[in-house]
């Protein structure tokens, strides 16, 4: 198997460049669960604004989420508990699953 090409360490990378180098191992057991019925009652929806991975979005007036690509910051659960309705349950993925930061 050929050796992976390593990025030029002297090049300044954007956040998008860095995230693009990360590896995500999807786990069929969810590490984020969202009570979307409870989300309907939340006026502020702070999860939309704190997640740098854009896990959360509104489609047709409903909050939807996709955990693939989550960088495991956990801010969504923190702001939901304090500003929202505590509808987001977040925990680290099981061992060997989730994000592996590769550069930067």
PDB file of N, CA and C in Angstrom:
ATOM      1  N   UNK A   1       0.850  -1.164   0.000  1.00  0.00           N
ATOM      2  CA  UNK A   1       0.000   0.000   0.000  1.00  0.00           C
ATOM      3  C   UNK A   1       0.902   1.236   0.000  1.00  0.00           C
ATOM      4  N   UNK A   2       0.647   2.193  -0.882  1.00  0.00           N
ATOM      5  CA  UNK A   2       1.498   3.386  -0.951  1.00  0.00           C
ATOM      6  C   UNK A   2       1.334   4.262   0.287  1.00  0.00           C
ATOM      7  N   UNK A   3       2.389   4.941   0.634  1.00  0.00           N
ATOM      8  CA  UNK A   3       2.398   5.868   1.774  1.00  0.00           C
ATOM      9  C   UNK A   3       1.512   7.065   1.438  1.00  0.00           C
ATOM     10  N   UNK A   4       0.611   7.494   2.371  1.00  0.00           N
ATOM     11  CA  UNK A   4      -0.233   8.652   2.082  1.00  0.00           C
ATOM     12  C   UNK A   4       0.598   9.916   1.920  1.00  0.00           C
ATOM     13  N   UNK A   5       0.133  10.782   1.049  1.00  0.00           N
ATOM     14  CA  UNK A   5       0.823  12.051   0.808  1.00  0.00           C
ATOM     15  C   UNK A   5       0.592  12.952   2.004  1.00  0.00           C
ATOM     16  N   UNK A   6       1.668  13.472   2.570  1.00  0.00           N
ATOM     17  CA  UNK A   6       1.556  14.366   3.720  1.00  0.00           C
ATOM     18  C   UNK A   6       1.487  15.800   3.237  1.00  0.00           C
ATOM     19  N   UNK A   7       0.659  16.619   3.894  1.00  0.00           N
ATOM     20  CA  UNK A   7       0.559  18.014   3.478  1.00  0.00           C
ATOM     21  C   UNK A   7       1.837  18.772   3.779  1.00  0.00           C
ATOM     22  N   UNK A   8       2.060  19.821   3.024  1.00  0.00           N
ATOM     23  CA  UNK A   8       3.211  20.688   3.210  1.00  0.00           C
ATOM     24  C   UNK A   8       3.034  21.444   4.526  1.00  0.00           C
ATOM     25  N   UNK A   9       3.875  21.161   5.517  1.00  0.00           N
ATOM     26  CA  UNK A   9       3.758  21.763   6.844  1.00  0.00           C
ATOM     27  C   UNK A   9       4.013  23.261   6.835  1.00  0.00           C
ATOM     28  N   UNK A  10       4.641  23.786   5.784  1.00  0.00           N
ATOM     29  CA  UNK A  10       4.911  25.218   5.736  1.00  0.00           C
ATOM     30  C   UNK A  10       3.722  26.010   5.199  1.00  0.00           C
ATOM     31  N   UNK A  11       2.751  25.321   4.612  1.00  0.00           N
ATOM     32  CA  UNK A  11       1.571  25.986   4.062  1.00  0.00           C
ATOM     33  C   UNK A  11       0.591  26.295   5.196  1.00  0.00           C
ATOM     34  N   UNK A  12       0.059  27.502   5.211  1.00  0.00           N
ATOM     35  CA  UNK A  12      -0.955  27.877   6.190  1.00  0.00           C
ATOM     36  C   UNK A  12      -2.278  27.269   5.742  1.00  0.00           C
ATOM     37  N   UNK A  13      -2.879  26.486   6.618  1.00  0.00           N
ATOM     38  CA  UNK A  13      -4.122  25.811   6.279  1.00  0.00           C
ATOM     39  C   UNK A  13      -5.315  26.520   6.898  1.00  0.00           C
ATOM     40  N   UNK A  14      -6.387  26.570   6.157  1.00  0.00           N
ATOM     41  CA  UNK A  14      -7.638  27.099   6.693  1.00  0.00           C
ATOM     42  C   UNK A  14      -8.272  26.033   7.582  1.00  0.00           C
ATOM     43  N   UNK A  15      -9.283  26.424   8.319  1.00  0.00           N
ATOM     44  CA  UNK A  15     -10.012  25.459   9.143  1.00  0.00           C
ATOM     45  C   UNK A  15     -10.619  24.379   8.254  1.00  0.00           C
ATOM     46  N   UNK A  16     -11.180  24.765   7.128  1.00  0.00           N
ATOM     47  CA  UNK A  16     -11.765  23.773   6.214  1.00  0.00           C
ATOM     48  C   UNK A  16     -10.711  22.791   5.713  1.00  0.00           C
ATOM     49  N   UNK A  17      -9.491  23.293   5.403  1.00  0.00           N
ATOM     50  CA  UNK A  17      -8.397  22.416   4.982  1.00  0.00           C
ATOM     51  C   UNK A  17      -8.069  21.403   6.072  1.00  0.00           C
ATOM     52  N   UNK A  18      -7.994  21.884   7.301  1.00  0.00           N
ATOM     53  CA  UNK A  18      -7.636  21.004   8.427  1.00  0.00           C
ATOM     54  C   UNK A  18      -8.709  19.954   8.687  1.00  0.00           C
ATOM     55  N   UNK A  19      -9.963  20.376   8.704  1.00  0.00           N
ATOM     56  CA  UNK A  19     -11.056  19.434   8.941  1.00  0.00           C
ATOM     57  C   UNK A  19     -11.109  18.396   7.827  1.00  0.00           C
ATOM     58  N   UNK A  20     -10.768  18.809   6.608  1.00  0.00           N
ATOM     59  CA  UNK A  20     -10.754  17.887   5.483  1.00  0.00           C
ATOM     60  C   UNK A  20      -9.741  16.766   5.625  1.00  0.00           C
ATOM     61  N   UNK A  21      -8.738  16.959   6.462  1.00  0.00           N
ATOM     62  CA  UNK A  21      -7.721  15.936   6.695  1.00  0.00           C
ATOM     63  C   UNK A  21      -8.119  14.950   7.788  1.00  0.00           C
ATOM     64  N   UNK A  22      -9.103  15.314   8.597  1.00  0.00           N
ATOM     65  CA  UNK A  22      -9.530  14.441   9.693  1.00  0.00           C
ATOM     66  C   UNK A  22     -10.199  13.189   9.142  1.00  0.00           C
ATOM     67  N   UNK A  23     -10.182  12.151   9.948  1.00  0.00           N
ATOM     68  CA  UNK A  23     -10.818  10.892   9.575  1.00  0.00           C
ATOM     69  C   UNK A  23     -11.987  10.650  10.518  1.00  0.00           C
ATOM     70  N   UNK A  24     -13.108  10.215   9.971  1.00  0.00           N
ATOM     71  CA  UNK A  24     -14.299   9.949  10.759  1.00  0.00           C
ATOM     72  C   UNK A  24     -14.666   8.484  10.627  1.00  0.00           C
ATOM     73  N   UNK A  25     -14.785   7.828  11.745  1.00  0.00           N
ATOM     74  CA  UNK A  25     -15.203   6.426  11.765  1.00  0.00           C
ATOM     75  C   UNK A  25     -16.626   6.400  12.320  1.00  0.00           C
ATOM     76  N   UNK A  26     -17.596   6.178  11.435  1.00  0.00           N
ATOM     77  CA  UNK A  26     -18.998   6.222  11.832  1.00  0.00           C
ATOM     78  C   UNK A  26     -19.344   5.037  12.722  1.00  0.00           C
ATOM     79  N   UNK A  27     -20.087   5.311  13.784  1.00  0.00           N
ATOM     80  CA  UNK A  27     -20.544   4.289  14.722  1.00  0.00           C
ATOM     81  C   UNK A  27     -22.049   4.131  14.554  1.00  0.00           C
ATOM     82  N   UNK A  28     -22.504   2.900  14.382  1.00  0.00           N
ATOM     83  CA  UNK A  28     -23.936   2.680  14.225  1.00  0.00           C
ATOM     84  C   UNK A  28     -24.701   2.950  15.521  1.00  0.00           C
ATOM     85  N   UNK A  29     -24.014   2.953  16.647  1.00  0.00           N
ATOM     86  CA  UNK A  29     -24.636   3.301  17.926  1.00  0.00           C
ATOM     87  C   UNK A  29     -24.551   4.820  18.103  1.00  0.00           C
ATOM     88  N   UNK A  30     -25.679   5.521  18.174  1.00  0.00           N
ATOM     89  CA  UNK A  30     -25.636   6.987  18.204  1.00  0.00           C
ATOM     90  C   UNK A  30     -24.995   7.534  19.477  1.00  0.00           C
ATOM     91  N   UNK A  31     -24.164   8.548  19.318  1.00  0.00           N
ATOM     92  CA  UNK A  31     -23.571   9.215  20.470  1.00  0.00           C
ATOM     93  C   UNK A  31     -24.220  10.580  20.700  1.00  0.00           C
ATOM     94  N   UNK A  32     -25.061  10.994  19.760  1.00  0.00           N
ATOM     95  CA  UNK A  32     -25.892  12.181  19.917  1.00  0.00           C
ATOM     96  C   UNK A  32     -27.327  11.758  19.649  1.00  0.00           C
ATOM     97  N   UNK A  33     -28.207  12.064  20.582  1.00  0.00           N
ATOM     98  CA  UNK A  33     -29.634  11.871  20.344  1.00  0.00           C
ATOM     99  C   UNK A  33     -30.330  13.197  20.612  1.00  0.00           C
ATOM    100  N   UNK A  34     -31.329  13.467  19.814  1.00  0.00           N
ATOM    101  CA  UNK A  34     -32.036  14.740  19.906  1.00  0.00           C
ATOM    102  C   UNK A  34     -33.530  14.474  19.994  1.00  0.00           C
ATOM    103  N   UNK A  35     -34.157  15.094  20.970  1.00  0.00           N
ATOM    104  CA  UNK A  35     -35.607  15.033  21.102  1.00  0.00           C
ATOM    105  C   UNK A  35     -36.177  16.144  20.223  1.00  0.00           C
ATOM    106  N   UNK A  36     -36.427  15.818  18.963  1.00  0.00           N
ATOM    107  CA  UNK A  36     -36.856  16.843  18.004  1.00  0.00           C
ATOM    108  C   UNK A  36     -38.237  17.406  18.346  1.00  0.00           C
ATOM    109  N   UNK A  37     -39.070  16.652  19.053  1.00  0.00           N
ATOM    110  CA  UNK A  37     -40.352  17.196  19.506  1.00  0.00           C
ATOM    111  C   UNK A  37     -40.115  18.344  20.489  1.00  0.00           C
ATOM    112  N   UNK A  38     -39.158  18.169  21.378  1.00  0.00           N
ATOM    113  CA  UNK A  38     -38.814  19.223  22.328  1.00  0.00           C
ATOM    114  C   UNK A  38     -38.170  20.413  21.619  1.00  0.00           C
ATOM    115  N   UNK A  39     -37.411  20.141  20.564  1.00  0.00           N
ATOM    116  CA  UNK A  39     -36.776  21.220  19.792  1.00  0.00           C
ATOM    117  C   UNK A  39     -37.799  22.166  19.183  1.00  0.00           C
ATOM    118  N   UNK A  40     -38.960  21.649  18.844  1.00  0.00           N
ATOM    119  CA  UNK A  40     -40.008  22.511  18.270  1.00  0.00           C
ATOM    120  C   UNK A  40     -40.415  23.616  19.227  1.00  0.00           C
ATOM    121  N   UNK A  41     -40.270  23.379  20.529  1.00  0.00           N
ATOM    122  CA  UNK A  41     -40.673  24.374  21.527  1.00  0.00           C
ATOM    123  C   UNK A  41     -39.554  25.359  21.850  1.00  0.00           C
ATOM    124  N   UNK A  42     -38.372  25.159  21.275  1.00  0.00           N
ATOM    125  CA  UNK A  42     -37.219  26.025  21.553  1.00  0.00           C
ATOM    126  C   UNK A  42     -37.200  27.180  20.555  1.00  0.00           C
ATOM    127  N   UNK A  43     -37.306  28.394  21.076  1.00  0.00           N
ATOM    128  CA  UNK A  43     -37.314  29.571  20.202  1.00  0.00           C
ATOM    129  C   UNK A  43     -35.920  29.938  19.706  1.00  0.00           C
ATOM    130  N   UNK A  44     -34.885  29.712  20.535  1.00  0.00           N
ATOM    131  CA  UNK A  44     -33.546  30.203  20.211  1.00  0.00           C
ATOM    132  C   UNK A  44     -32.710  29.242  19.377  1.00  0.00           C
ATOM    133  N   UNK A  45     -32.907  27.942  19.537  1.00  0.00           N
ATOM    134  CA  UNK A  45     -32.136  26.909  18.830  1.00  0.00           C
ATOM    135  C   UNK A  45     -30.640  27.235  18.795  1.00  0.00           C
ATOM    136  N   UNK A  46     -30.000  27.340  19.964  1.00  0.00           N
ATOM    137  CA  UNK A  46     -28.585  27.708  20.015  1.00  0.00           C
ATOM    138  C   UNK A  46     -27.661  26.691  19.352  1.00  0.00           C
ATOM    139  N   UNK A  47     -28.088  25.452  19.226  1.00  0.00           N
ATOM    140  CA  UNK A  47     -27.253  24.428  18.583  1.00  0.00           C
ATOM    141  C   UNK A  47     -26.893  24.814  17.154  1.00  0.00           C
ATOM    142  N   UNK A  48     -27.772  25.556  16.495  1.00  0.00           N
ATOM    143  CA  UNK A  48     -27.515  25.978  15.119  1.00  0.00           C
ATOM    144  C   UNK A  48     -26.305  26.898  15.010  1.00  0.00           C
ATOM    145  N   UNK A  49     -25.995  27.601  16.088  1.00  0.00           N
ATOM    146  CA  UNK A  49     -24.973  28.643  16.038  1.00  0.00           C
ATOM    147  C   UNK A  49     -23.635  28.238  16.644  1.00  0.00           C
ATOM    148  N   UNK A  50     -23.612  27.206  17.480  1.00  0.00           N
ATOM    149  CA  UNK A  50     -22.348  26.848  18.141  1.00  0.00           C
ATOM    150  C   UNK A  50     -21.618  25.690  17.488  1.00  0.00           C
ATOM    151  N   UNK A  51     -22.272  24.931  16.644  1.00  0.00           N
ATOM    152  CA  UNK A  51     -21.646  23.749  16.058  1.00  0.00           C
ATOM    153  C   UNK A  51     -20.821  24.129  14.830  1.00  0.00           C
ATOM    154  N   UNK A  52     -19.486  24.020  14.920  1.00  0.00           N
ATOM    155  CA  UNK A  52     -18.657  24.361  13.762  1.00  0.00           C
ATOM    156  C   UNK A  52     -18.760  23.339  12.626  1.00  0.00           C
ATOM    157  N   UNK A  53     -19.274  22.152  12.924  1.00  0.00           N
ATOM    158  CA  UNK A  53     -19.397  21.101  11.911  1.00  0.00           C
ATOM    159  C   UNK A  53     -20.746  21.117  11.201  1.00  0.00           C
ATOM    160  N   UNK A  54     -21.596  22.030  11.583  1.00  0.00           N
ATOM    161  CA  UNK A  54     -22.927  22.152  10.988  1.00  0.00           C
ATOM    162  C   UNK A  54     -23.716  20.848  11.067  1.00  0.00           C
ATOM    163  N   UNK A  55     -23.657  20.205  12.235  1.00  0.00           N
ATOM    164  CA  UNK A  55     -24.405  18.972  12.463  1.00  0.00           C
ATOM    165  C   UNK A  55     -25.903  19.262  12.452  1.00  0.00           C
ATOM    166  N   UNK A  56     -26.294  20.441  12.922  1.00  0.00           N
ATOM    167  CA  UNK A  56     -27.705  20.802  13.057  1.00  0.00           C
ATOM    168  C   UNK A  56     -28.104  21.816  11.989  1.00  0.00           C
ATOM    169  N   UNK A  57     -29.332  21.668  11.484  1.00  0.00           N
ATOM    170  CA  UNK A  57     -29.867  22.637  10.539  1.00  0.00           C
ATOM    171  C   UNK A  57     -31.398  22.567  10.600  1.00  0.00           C
ATOM    172  N   UNK A  58     -32.035  23.561  10.051  1.00  0.00           N
ATOM    173  CA  UNK A  58     -33.496  23.586   9.998  1.00  0.00           C
ATOM    174  C   UNK A  58     -33.914  23.341   8.552  1.00  0.00           C
ATOM    175  N   UNK A  59     -34.771  22.356   8.372  1.00  0.00           N
ATOM    176  CA  UNK A  59     -35.342  22.046   7.054  1.00  0.00           C
ATOM    177  C   UNK A  59     -36.847  22.011   7.188  1.00  0.00           C
ATOM    178  N   UNK A  60     -37.502  22.813   6.376  1.00  0.00           N
ATOM    179  CA  UNK A  60     -38.964  22.885   6.388  1.00  0.00           C
ATOM    180  C   UNK A  60     -39.504  23.119   7.797  1.00  0.00           C
ATOM    181  N   UNK A  61     -38.828  23.992   8.532  1.00  0.00           N
ATOM    182  CA  UNK A  61     -39.264  24.377   9.874  1.00  0.00           C
ATOM    183  C   UNK A  61     -38.924  23.398  10.980  1.00  0.00           C
ATOM    184  N   UNK A  62     -38.267  22.288  10.660  1.00  0.00           N
ATOM    185  CA  UNK A  62     -37.923  21.267  11.649  1.00  0.00           C
ATOM    186  C   UNK A  62     -36.416  21.188  11.833  1.00  0.00           C
ATOM    187  N   UNK A  63     -35.974  20.977  13.063  1.00  0.00           N
ATOM    188  CA  UNK A  63     -34.555  20.769  13.331  1.00  0.00           C
ATOM    189  C   UNK A  63     -34.187  19.353  12.904  1.00  0.00           C
ATOM    190  N   UNK A  64     -33.160  19.238  12.078  1.00  0.00           N
ATOM    191  CA  UNK A  64     -32.630  17.942  11.663  1.00  0.00           C
ATOM    192  C   UNK A  64     -31.144  17.922  11.992  1.00  0.00           C
ATOM    193  N   UNK A  65     -30.590  16.742  12.155  1.00  0.00           N
ATOM    194  CA  UNK A  65     -29.180  16.623  12.491  1.00  0.00           C
ATOM    195  C   UNK A  65     -28.571  15.391  11.853  1.00  0.00           C
ATOM    196  N   UNK A  66     -27.261  15.466  11.624  1.00  0.00           N
ATOM    197  CA  UNK A  66     -26.503  14.370  11.046  1.00  0.00           C
ATOM    198  C   UNK A  66     -25.181  14.312  11.798  1.00  0.00           C
ATOM    199  N   UNK A  67     -24.949  13.243  12.527  1.00  0.00           N
ATOM    200  CA  UNK A  67     -23.766  13.159  13.385  1.00  0.00           C
ATOM    201  C   UNK A  67     -22.480  12.867  12.626  1.00  0.00           C
ATOM    202  N   UNK A  68     -22.575  12.442  11.377  1.00  0.00           N
ATOM    203  CA  UNK A  68     -21.363  12.192  10.606  1.00  0.00           C
ATOM    204  C   UNK A  68     -20.634  13.517  10.398  1.00  0.00           C
ATOM    205  N   UNK A  69     -19.370  13.553  10.727  1.00  0.00           N
ATOM    206  CA  UNK A  69     -18.591  14.777  10.609  1.00  0.00           C
ATOM    207  C   UNK A  69     -18.513  15.574  11.901  1.00  0.00           C
ATOM    208  N   UNK A  70     -19.189  15.126  12.941  1.00  0.00           N
ATOM    209  CA  UNK A  70     -19.130  15.804  14.240  1.00  0.00           C
ATOM    210  C   UNK A  70     -17.692  15.743  14.759  1.00  0.00           C
ATOM    211  N   UNK A  71     -17.155  16.890  15.184  1.00  0.00           N
ATOM    212  CA  UNK A  71     -15.780  16.917  15.694  1.00  0.00           C
ATOM    213  C   UNK A  71     -15.736  16.795  17.217  1.00  0.00           C
ATOM    214  N   UNK A  72     -16.847  16.418  17.823  1.00  0.00           N
ATOM    215  CA  UNK A  72     -16.925  16.067  19.237  1.00  0.00           C
ATOM    216  C   UNK A  72     -16.584  17.221  20.168  1.00  0.00           C
ATOM    217  N   UNK A  73     -17.035  18.395  19.833  1.00  0.00           N
ATOM    218  CA  UNK A  73     -16.844  19.554  20.691  1.00  0.00           C
ATOM    219  C   UNK A  73     -17.772  19.499  21.895  1.00  0.00           C
ATOM    220  N   UNK A  74     -19.001  19.118  21.689  1.00  0.00           N
ATOM    221  CA  UNK A  74     -19.968  18.990  22.777  1.00  0.00           C
ATOM    222  C   UNK A  74     -20.676  20.283  23.153  1.00  0.00           C
ATOM    223  N   UNK A  75     -20.379  21.370  22.461  1.00  0.00           N
ATOM    224  CA  UNK A  75     -21.001  22.659  22.782  1.00  0.00           C
ATOM    225  C   UNK A  75     -22.514  22.617  22.568  1.00  0.00           C
ATOM    226  N   UNK A  76     -22.965  21.803  21.639  1.00  0.00           N
ATOM    227  CA  UNK A  76     -24.404  21.720  21.363  1.00  0.00           C
ATOM    228  C   UNK A  76     -25.175  21.306  22.611  1.00  0.00           C
ATOM    229  N   UNK A  77     -24.681  20.302  23.320  1.00  0.00           N
ATOM    230  CA  UNK A  77     -25.365  19.829  24.524  1.00  0.00           C
ATOM    231  C   UNK A  77     -25.288  20.857  25.643  1.00  0.00           C
ATOM    232  N   UNK A  78     -24.184  21.574  25.720  1.00  0.00           N
ATOM    233  CA  UNK A  78     -24.026  22.581  26.775  1.00  0.00           C
ATOM    234  C   UNK A  78     -25.000  23.735  26.565  1.00  0.00           C
ATOM    235  N   UNK A  79     -25.041  24.278  25.355  1.00  0.00           N
ATOM    236  CA  UNK A  79     -25.941  25.412  25.130  1.00  0.00           C
ATOM    237  C   UNK A  79     -27.402  24.983  25.160  1.00  0.00           C
ATOM    238  N   UNK A  80     -27.682  23.768  24.748  1.00  0.00           N
ATOM    239  CA  UNK A  80     -29.060  23.291  24.798  1.00  0.00           C
ATOM    240  C   UNK A  80     -29.528  23.184  26.243  1.00  0.00           C
ATOM    241  N   UNK A  81     -28.665  22.709  27.100  1.00  0.00           N
ATOM    242  CA  UNK A  81     -29.031  22.557  28.506  1.00  0.00           C
ATOM    243  C   UNK A  81     -29.298  23.912  29.162  1.00  0.00           C
ATOM    244  N   UNK A  82     -28.516  24.913  28.801  1.00  0.00           N
ATOM    245  CA  UNK A  82     -28.627  26.205  29.474  1.00  0.00           C
ATOM    246  C   UNK A  82     -29.543  27.196  28.754  1.00  0.00           C
ATOM    247  N   UNK A  83     -29.538  27.194  27.428  1.00  0.00           N
ATOM    248  CA  UNK A  83     -30.334  28.165  26.675  1.00  0.00           C
ATOM    249  C   UNK A  83     -31.537  27.534  25.984  1.00  0.00           C
ATOM    250  N   UNK A  84     -31.418  26.260  25.687  1.00  0.00           N
ATOM    251  CA  UNK A  84     -32.493  25.562  24.988  1.00  0.00           C
ATOM    252  C   UNK A  84     -33.378  24.826  25.982  1.00  0.00           C
ATOM    253  N   UNK A  85     -33.717  23.618  25.657  1.00  0.00           N
ATOM    254  CA  UNK A  85     -34.650  22.840  26.473  1.00  0.00           C
ATOM    255  C   UNK A  85     -34.048  21.523  26.952  1.00  0.00           C
ATOM    256  N   UNK A  86     -32.719  21.367  26.840  1.00  0.00           N
ATOM    257  CA  UNK A  86     -32.060  20.115  27.230  1.00  0.00           C
ATOM    258  C   UNK A  86     -32.526  18.943  26.370  1.00  0.00           C
ATOM    259  N   UNK A  87     -32.729  19.198  25.090  1.00  0.00           N
ATOM    260  CA  UNK A  87     -33.198  18.167  24.170  1.00  0.00           C
ATOM    261  C   UNK A  87     -32.061  17.357  23.566  1.00  0.00           C
ATOM    262  N   UNK A  88     -30.825  17.855  23.657  1.00  0.00           N
ATOM    263  CA  UNK A  88     -29.688  17.160  23.055  1.00  0.00           C
ATOM    264  C   UNK A  88     -28.967  16.345  24.121  1.00  0.00           C
ATOM    265  N   UNK A  89     -28.807  15.078  23.831  1.00  0.00           N
ATOM    266  CA  UNK A  89     -28.015  14.178  24.695  1.00  0.00           C
ATOM    267  C   UNK A  89     -26.759  13.832  23.911  1.00  0.00           C
ATOM    268  N   UNK A  90     -25.619  14.200  24.444  1.00  0.00           N
ATOM    269  CA  UNK A  90     -24.343  14.047  23.743  1.00  0.00           C
ATOM    270  C   UNK A  90     -23.371  13.305  24.640  1.00  0.00           C
ATOM    271  N   UNK A  91     -22.596  12.386  24.061  1.00  0.00           N
ATOM    272  CA  UNK A  91     -21.525  11.671  24.765  1.00  0.00           C
ATOM    273  C   UNK A  91     -20.453  11.352  23.729  1.00  0.00           C
ATOM    274  N   UNK A  92     -19.247  11.086  24.183  1.00  0.00           N
ATOM    275  CA  UNK A  92     -18.207  10.694  23.237  1.00  0.00           C
ATOM    276  C   UNK A  92     -18.568   9.361  22.598  1.00  0.00           C
ATOM    277  N   UNK A  93     -18.217   9.171  21.326  1.00  0.00           N
ATOM    278  CA  UNK A  93     -18.461   7.875  20.686  1.00  0.00           C
ATOM    279  C   UNK A  93     -17.654   6.767  21.386  1.00  0.00           C
ATOM    280  N   UNK A  94     -18.071   5.541  21.148  1.00  0.00           N
ATOM    281  CA  UNK A  94     -17.341   4.403  21.700  1.00  0.00           C
ATOM    282  C   UNK A  94     -15.914   4.391  21.168  1.00  0.00           C
ATOM    283  N   UNK A  95     -15.020   3.717  21.881  1.00  0.00           N
ATOM    284  CA  UNK A  95     -13.616   3.643  21.482  1.00  0.00           C
ATOM    285  C   UNK A  95     -13.430   3.249  20.035  1.00  0.00           C
ATOM    286  N   UNK A  96     -12.505   3.894  19.363  1.00  0.00           N
ATOM    287  CA  UNK A  96     -12.120   3.722  17.955  1.00  0.00           C
ATOM    288  C   UNK A  96     -13.126   4.330  16.978  1.00  0.00           C
ATOM    289  N   UNK A  97     -14.242   4.848  17.454  1.00  0.00           N
ATOM    290  CA  UNK A  97     -15.211   5.514  16.588  1.00  0.00           C
ATOM    291  C   UNK A  97     -15.106   7.019  16.775  1.00  0.00           C
ATOM    292  N   UNK A  98     -15.702   7.755  15.854  1.00  0.00           N
ATOM    293  CA  UNK A  98     -15.706   9.209  15.948  1.00  0.00           C
ATOM    294  C   UNK A  98     -14.610   9.823  15.106  1.00  0.00           C
ATOM    295  N   UNK A  99     -14.125  10.970  15.548  1.00  0.00           N
ATOM    296  CA  UNK A  99     -13.159  11.737  14.781  1.00  0.00           C
ATOM    297  C   UNK A  99     -11.735  11.386  15.191  1.00  0.00           C
ATOM    298  N   UNK A 100     -10.848  11.360  14.212  1.00  0.00           N
ATOM    299  CA  UNK A 100      -9.408  11.239  14.454  1.00  0.00           C
ATOM    300  C   UNK A 100      -8.753  12.436  13.810  1.00  0.00           C
ATOM    301  N   UNK A 101      -8.217  13.324  14.644  1.00  0.00           N
ATOM    302  CA  UNK A 101      -7.595  14.526  14.122  1.00  0.00           C
ATOM    303  C   UNK A 101      -6.220  14.160  13.569  1.00  0.00           C
ATOM    304  N   UNK A 102      -5.958  14.526  12.328  1.00  0.00           N
ATOM    305  CA  UNK A 102      -4.737  14.079  11.663  1.00  0.00           C
ATOM    306  C   UNK A 102      -3.704  15.154  11.455  1.00  0.00           C
ATOM    307  N   UNK A 103      -4.099  16.418  11.483  1.00  0.00           N
ATOM    308  CA  UNK A 103      -3.133  17.475  11.226  1.00  0.00           C
ATOM    309  C   UNK A 103      -3.650  18.779  11.794  1.00  0.00           C
ATOM    310  N   UNK A 104      -2.776  19.507  12.485  1.00  0.00           N
ATOM    311  CA  UNK A 104      -3.103  20.850  12.900  1.00  0.00           C
ATOM    312  C   UNK A 104      -3.737  20.952  14.215  1.00  0.00           C
TER     313      UNK A 104
END
